[in-house]
Amino acid sequence: MAMTKAQDLVSSNSVVVFSKTYCPFCTTVKKLFDEVGAKYKTVELDTENDGSEIQAALGEWTGQKTVPNVFIGGKHIGGCDTTTGIHKEGKLIPLLTEAGAVAKASA
């Protein structure tokens, strides 16, 4: 059930951040998405009734047991270090744009 819920969330949202309200790494990723103007869905696992089941399902699905667990355009990106790393490389905005999470910059 939790795996289906996680997969449904990922397939129906261009960007999903599986997070916990008290996690500083999660806050960093959400702040980054806010700064670049991305639309994203946050799933706070510590406030969901089935949060621990979803986190276990994500671990099974992606091999990553920690949060934040970020998906863009249905693809698993990774955690905080990976997300901020691809931003530093200039690859985050194109990914977000392709997923429809940020508006294309007008030339």
N, C-alpha and C. Protein backbone atom coordinates (compact mmCIF):
# COMPACT_ATOMS: atom_id res chain seq x y z
N MET A 1 0.82 -1.21 0.00
CA MET A 1 0.00 0.00 0.00
C MET A 1 0.86 1.27 0.00
N ALA A 2 1.88 1.30 0.87
CA ALA A 2 2.75 2.47 0.96
C ALA A 2 3.54 2.67 -0.34
N MET A 3 3.98 1.57 -0.95
CA MET A 3 4.73 1.66 -2.21
C MET A 3 3.84 2.27 -3.29
N THR A 4 2.60 1.81 -3.38
CA THR A 4 1.65 2.33 -4.36
C THR A 4 1.41 3.81 -4.13
N LYS A 5 1.24 4.21 -2.87
CA LYS A 5 1.01 5.61 -2.53
C LYS A 5 2.21 6.46 -2.97
N ALA A 6 3.42 6.00 -2.65
CA ALA A 6 4.63 6.73 -3.02
C ALA A 6 4.73 6.87 -4.54
N GLN A 7 4.49 5.77 -5.25
CA GLN A 7 4.59 5.80 -6.71
C GLN A 7 3.51 6.69 -7.33
N ASP A 8 2.31 6.68 -6.75
CA ASP A 8 1.24 7.55 -7.23
C ASP A 8 1.60 9.02 -7.04
N LEU A 9 2.16 9.34 -5.88
CA LEU A 9 2.57 10.73 -5.61
C LEU A 9 3.63 11.18 -6.61
N VAL A 10 4.60 10.32 -6.87
CA VAL A 10 5.68 10.66 -7.80
C VAL A 10 5.15 10.81 -9.23
N SER A 11 4.24 9.92 -9.63
CA SER A 11 3.75 9.99 -11.01
C SER A 11 2.76 11.13 -11.23
N SER A 12 2.12 11.62 -10.16
CA SER A 12 1.12 12.67 -10.35
C SER A 12 1.62 14.08 -10.00
N ASN A 13 2.88 14.21 -9.63
CA ASN A 13 3.47 15.52 -9.31
C ASN A 13 4.81 15.65 -10.03
N SER A 14 5.07 16.84 -10.59
CA SER A 14 6.33 17.00 -11.32
C SER A 14 7.54 16.94 -10.39
N VAL A 15 7.39 17.42 -9.17
CA VAL A 15 8.48 17.35 -8.19
C VAL A 15 7.90 16.92 -6.85
N VAL A 16 8.52 15.93 -6.23
CA VAL A 16 8.09 15.48 -4.90
C VAL A 16 9.31 15.45 -3.98
N VAL A 17 9.13 16.02 -2.79
CA VAL A 17 10.15 15.95 -1.75
C VAL A 17 9.54 15.17 -0.58
N PHE A 18 10.03 13.96 -0.38
CA PHE A 18 9.66 13.21 0.82
C PHE A 18 10.58 13.73 1.91
N SER A 19 9.98 14.24 2.98
CA SER A 19 10.67 15.07 3.94
C SER A 19 10.24 14.71 5.36
N LYS A 20 10.91 15.32 6.33
CA LYS A 20 10.45 15.31 7.72
C LYS A 20 10.54 16.75 8.21
N THR A 21 9.56 17.17 8.99
CA THR A 21 9.44 18.57 9.37
C THR A 21 10.67 19.08 10.13
N TYR A 22 11.34 18.21 10.88
CA TYR A 22 12.46 18.64 11.72
C TYR A 22 13.82 18.44 11.08
N CYS A 23 13.85 17.96 9.85
CA CYS A 23 15.12 17.62 9.20
C CYS A 23 15.76 18.84 8.52
N PRO A 24 16.97 19.23 8.97
CA PRO A 24 17.61 20.42 8.37
C PRO A 24 17.98 20.22 6.90
N PHE A 25 18.29 19.00 6.50
CA PHE A 25 18.62 18.74 5.10
C PHE A 25 17.39 18.89 4.21
N CYS A 26 16.23 18.48 4.74
CA CYS A 26 14.96 18.64 4.03
C CYS A 26 14.66 20.12 3.85
N THR A 27 14.88 20.89 4.92
CA THR A 27 14.65 22.34 4.87
C THR A 27 15.52 22.98 3.80
N THR A 28 16.77 22.54 3.70
CA THR A 28 17.70 23.08 2.70
C THR A 28 17.15 22.86 1.29
N VAL A 29 16.67 21.65 1.01
CA VAL A 29 16.15 21.32 -0.32
C VAL A 29 14.88 22.12 -0.61
N LYS A 30 13.97 22.20 0.37
CA LYS A 30 12.71 22.94 0.15
C LYS A 30 13.01 24.42 -0.07
N LYS A 31 13.98 24.96 0.68
CA LYS A 31 14.37 26.37 0.52
C LYS A 31 14.95 26.60 -0.88
N LEU A 32 15.77 25.66 -1.34
CA LEU A 32 16.35 25.76 -2.69
C LEU A 32 15.25 25.79 -3.74
N PHE A 33 14.28 24.88 -3.64
CA PHE A 33 13.17 24.87 -4.60
C PHE A 33 12.36 26.16 -4.52
N ASP A 34 12.17 26.69 -3.31
CA ASP A 34 11.47 27.97 -3.16
C ASP A 34 12.24 29.09 -3.84
N GLU A 35 13.56 29.10 -3.65
CA GLU A 35 14.40 30.17 -4.22
C GLU A 35 14.38 30.16 -5.74
N VAL A 36 14.33 28.98 -6.34
CA VAL A 36 14.32 28.92 -7.81
C VAL A 36 12.91 28.98 -8.38
N GLY A 37 11.92 29.09 -7.49
CA GLY A 37 10.53 29.24 -7.93
C GLY A 37 9.89 27.95 -8.43
N ALA A 38 10.35 26.83 -7.93
CA ALA A 38 9.80 25.54 -8.38
C ALA A 38 8.52 25.21 -7.62
N LYS A 39 7.58 24.61 -8.37
CA LYS A 39 6.38 24.08 -7.73
C LYS A 39 6.71 22.64 -7.35
N TYR A 40 6.44 22.28 -6.10
CA TYR A 40 6.76 20.92 -5.67
C TYR A 40 5.77 20.47 -4.61
N LYS A 41 5.64 19.17 -4.51
CA LYS A 41 4.78 18.55 -3.51
C LYS A 41 5.68 18.05 -2.39
N THR A 42 5.35 18.44 -1.17
CA THR A 42 6.09 17.96 -0.01
C THR A 42 5.26 16.93 0.72
N VAL A 43 5.88 15.81 1.05
CA VAL A 43 5.23 14.79 1.87
C VAL A 43 6.05 14.69 3.15
N GLU A 44 5.49 15.25 4.24
CA GLU A 44 6.18 15.23 5.53
C GLU A 44 5.91 13.88 6.20
N LEU A 45 6.89 13.00 6.11
CA LEU A 45 6.69 11.62 6.57
C LEU A 45 6.44 11.52 8.06
N ASP A 46 6.92 12.51 8.83
CA ASP A 46 6.69 12.44 10.29
C ASP A 46 5.28 12.89 10.68
N THR A 47 4.52 13.43 9.72
CA THR A 47 3.14 13.83 10.03
C THR A 47 2.11 12.94 9.33
N GLU A 48 2.57 12.06 8.46
CA GLU A 48 1.67 11.13 7.76
C GLU A 48 1.44 9.91 8.65
N ASN A 49 0.20 9.41 8.66
CA ASN A 49 -0.10 8.21 9.44
C ASN A 49 0.75 7.02 9.03
N ASP A 50 1.01 6.93 7.72
CA ASP A 50 1.80 5.80 7.20
C ASP A 50 3.20 6.24 6.77
N GLY A 51 3.71 7.30 7.38
CA GLY A 51 5.00 7.85 7.00
C GLY A 51 6.15 6.87 7.08
N SER A 52 6.21 6.08 8.16
CA SER A 52 7.32 5.13 8.29
C SER A 52 7.21 4.03 7.24
N GLU A 53 5.99 3.64 6.89
CA GLU A 53 5.79 2.64 5.84
C GLU A 53 6.21 3.20 4.48
N ILE A 54 5.86 4.47 4.24
CA ILE A 54 6.25 5.11 2.98
C ILE A 54 7.78 5.21 2.90
N GLN A 55 8.41 5.59 4.01
CA GLN A 55 9.86 5.70 4.01
C GLN A 55 10.51 4.35 3.75
N ALA A 56 9.96 3.30 4.34
CA ALA A 56 10.48 1.94 4.09
C ALA A 56 10.30 1.55 2.63
N ALA A 57 9.13 1.90 2.07
CA ALA A 57 8.86 1.59 0.66
C ALA A 57 9.82 2.35 -0.26
N LEU A 58 10.10 3.61 0.08
CA LEU A 58 11.05 4.40 -0.71
C LEU A 58 12.44 3.77 -0.66
N GLY A 59 12.81 3.27 0.52
CA GLY A 59 14.11 2.61 0.66
C GLY A 59 14.20 1.39 -0.24
N GLU A 60 13.11 0.65 -0.29
CA GLU A 60 13.04 -0.53 -1.13
C GLU A 60 13.09 -0.15 -2.61
N TRP A 61 12.35 0.89 -2.97
CA TRP A 61 12.21 1.34 -4.36
C TRP A 61 13.50 1.97 -4.87
N THR A 62 14.11 2.86 -4.07
CA THR A 62 15.22 3.68 -4.56
C THR A 62 16.57 3.27 -4.00
N GLY A 63 16.56 2.48 -2.93
CA GLY A 63 17.81 2.15 -2.27
C GLY A 63 18.24 3.23 -1.28
N GLN A 64 17.45 4.30 -1.19
CA GLN A 64 17.76 5.40 -0.28
C GLN A 64 16.76 5.37 0.88
N LYS A 65 17.29 5.22 2.10
CA LYS A 65 16.42 5.11 3.27
C LYS A 65 16.26 6.44 4.01
N THR A 66 16.99 7.46 3.58
CA THR A 66 17.02 8.73 4.30
C THR A 66 16.16 9.78 3.61
N VAL A 67 15.88 10.87 4.32
CA VAL A 67 15.20 12.03 3.75
C VAL A 67 16.18 13.20 3.76
N PRO A 68 16.00 14.17 2.87
CA PRO A 68 14.95 14.23 1.86
C PRO A 68 15.19 13.20 0.77
N ASN A 69 14.12 12.77 0.17
CA ASN A 69 14.16 11.86 -0.95
C ASN A 69 13.43 12.58 -2.08
N VAL A 70 14.19 13.01 -3.07
CA VAL A 70 13.68 13.94 -4.09
C VAL A 70 13.46 13.24 -5.43
N PHE A 71 12.31 13.52 -6.03
CA PHE A 71 11.98 13.03 -7.36
C PHE A 71 11.63 14.22 -8.24
N ILE A 72 12.17 14.24 -9.45
CA ILE A 72 11.85 15.29 -10.42
C ILE A 72 11.45 14.61 -11.72
N GLY A 73 10.28 14.95 -12.21
CA GLY A 73 9.80 14.37 -13.46
C GLY A 73 9.70 12.85 -13.40
N GLY A 74 9.35 12.34 -12.22
CA GLY A 74 9.20 10.90 -12.06
C GLY A 74 10.49 10.15 -11.84
N LYS A 75 11.63 10.86 -11.90
CA LYS A 75 12.93 10.22 -11.72
C LYS A 75 13.46 10.49 -10.31
N HIS A 76 14.04 9.47 -9.71
CA HIS A 76 14.65 9.63 -8.39
C HIS A 76 15.94 10.42 -8.54
N ILE A 77 16.04 11.52 -7.80
CA ILE A 77 17.23 12.37 -7.85
C ILE A 77 18.19 11.99 -6.72
N GLY A 78 17.65 11.88 -5.51
CA GLY A 78 18.48 11.55 -4.36
C GLY A 78 18.14 12.43 -3.19
N GLY A 79 19.15 12.72 -2.38
CA GLY A 79 18.95 13.51 -1.18
C GLY A 79 19.43 14.93 -1.33
N CYS A 80 19.74 15.54 -0.20
CA CYS A 80 20.15 16.95 -0.15
C CYS A 80 21.44 17.19 -0.93
N ASP A 81 22.48 16.38 -0.66
CA ASP A 81 23.77 16.59 -1.33
C ASP A 81 23.65 16.47 -2.84
N THR A 82 22.91 15.47 -3.30
CA THR A 82 22.74 15.28 -4.75
C THR A 82 21.97 16.44 -5.35
N THR A 83 20.88 16.85 -4.70
CA THR A 83 20.04 17.93 -5.24
C THR A 83 20.80 19.24 -5.29
N THR A 84 21.49 19.59 -4.20
CA THR A 84 22.26 20.85 -4.21
C THR A 84 23.45 20.73 -5.16
N GLY A 85 24.00 19.54 -5.28
CA GLY A 85 25.13 19.32 -6.19
C GLY A 85 24.76 19.55 -7.64
N ILE A 86 23.60 19.00 -8.06
CA ILE A 86 23.20 19.21 -9.46
C ILE A 86 22.81 20.67 -9.70
N HIS A 87 22.38 21.36 -8.64
CA HIS A 87 22.10 22.79 -8.80
C HIS A 87 23.40 23.54 -9.03
N LYS A 88 24.44 23.21 -8.26
CA LYS A 88 25.75 23.88 -8.43
C LYS A 88 26.32 23.61 -9.82
N GLU A 89 26.00 22.44 -10.39
CA GLU A 89 26.47 22.10 -11.73
C GLU A 89 25.62 22.75 -12.82
N GLY A 90 24.55 23.44 -12.41
CA GLY A 90 23.68 24.10 -13.39
C GLY A 90 22.68 23.16 -14.05
N LYS A 91 22.48 21.98 -13.47
CA LYS A 91 21.60 20.99 -14.09
C LYS A 91 20.21 20.93 -13.47
N LEU A 92 20.01 21.60 -12.33
CA LEU A 92 18.72 21.50 -11.64
C LEU A 92 17.61 22.24 -12.37
N ILE A 93 17.86 23.48 -12.77
CA ILE A 93 16.83 24.29 -13.43
C ILE A 93 16.36 23.63 -14.73
N PRO A 94 17.28 23.13 -15.59
CA PRO A 94 16.81 22.43 -16.78
C PRO A 94 15.92 21.22 -16.45
N LEU A 95 16.29 20.45 -15.42
CA LEU A 95 15.46 19.32 -14.99
C LEU A 95 14.08 19.78 -14.54
N LEU A 96 14.06 20.83 -13.73
CA LEU A 96 12.79 21.37 -13.22
C LEU A 96 11.94 21.92 -14.36
N THR A 97 12.59 22.59 -15.31
CA THR A 97 11.88 23.17 -16.45
C THR A 97 11.26 22.06 -17.30
N GLU A 98 12.06 21.03 -17.56
CA GLU A 98 11.60 19.90 -18.36
C GLU A 98 10.41 19.21 -17.68
N ALA A 99 10.43 19.15 -16.34
CA ALA A 99 9.35 18.52 -15.59
C ALA A 99 8.12 19.42 -15.48
N GLY A 100 8.27 20.69 -15.88
CA GLY A 100 7.15 21.62 -15.81
C GLY A 100 6.99 22.26 -14.43
N ALA A 101 8.04 22.19 -13.61
CA ALA A 101 7.95 22.72 -12.26
C ALA A 101 8.35 24.19 -12.17
N VAL A 102 9.07 24.66 -13.18
CA VAL A 102 9.39 26.10 -13.24
C VAL A 102 9.07 26.58 -14.65
N ALA A 103 8.66 27.82 -14.74
CA ALA A 103 8.34 28.41 -16.03
C ALA A 103 9.63 28.62 -16.82
N LYS A 104 9.56 28.42 -18.12
CA LYS A 104 10.73 28.68 -18.95
C LYS A 104 11.03 30.16 -18.92
N ALA A 105 12.31 30.48 -18.81
CA ALA A 105 12.72 31.89 -18.81
C ALA A 105 12.49 32.46 -20.20
N SER A 106 11.90 33.65 -20.23
CA SER A 106 11.67 34.26 -21.55
C SER A 106 12.94 34.93 -22.03
N ALA A 107 13.23 34.77 -23.31
CA ALA A 107 14.47 35.30 -23.87
C ALA A 107 14.33 36.76 -24.23
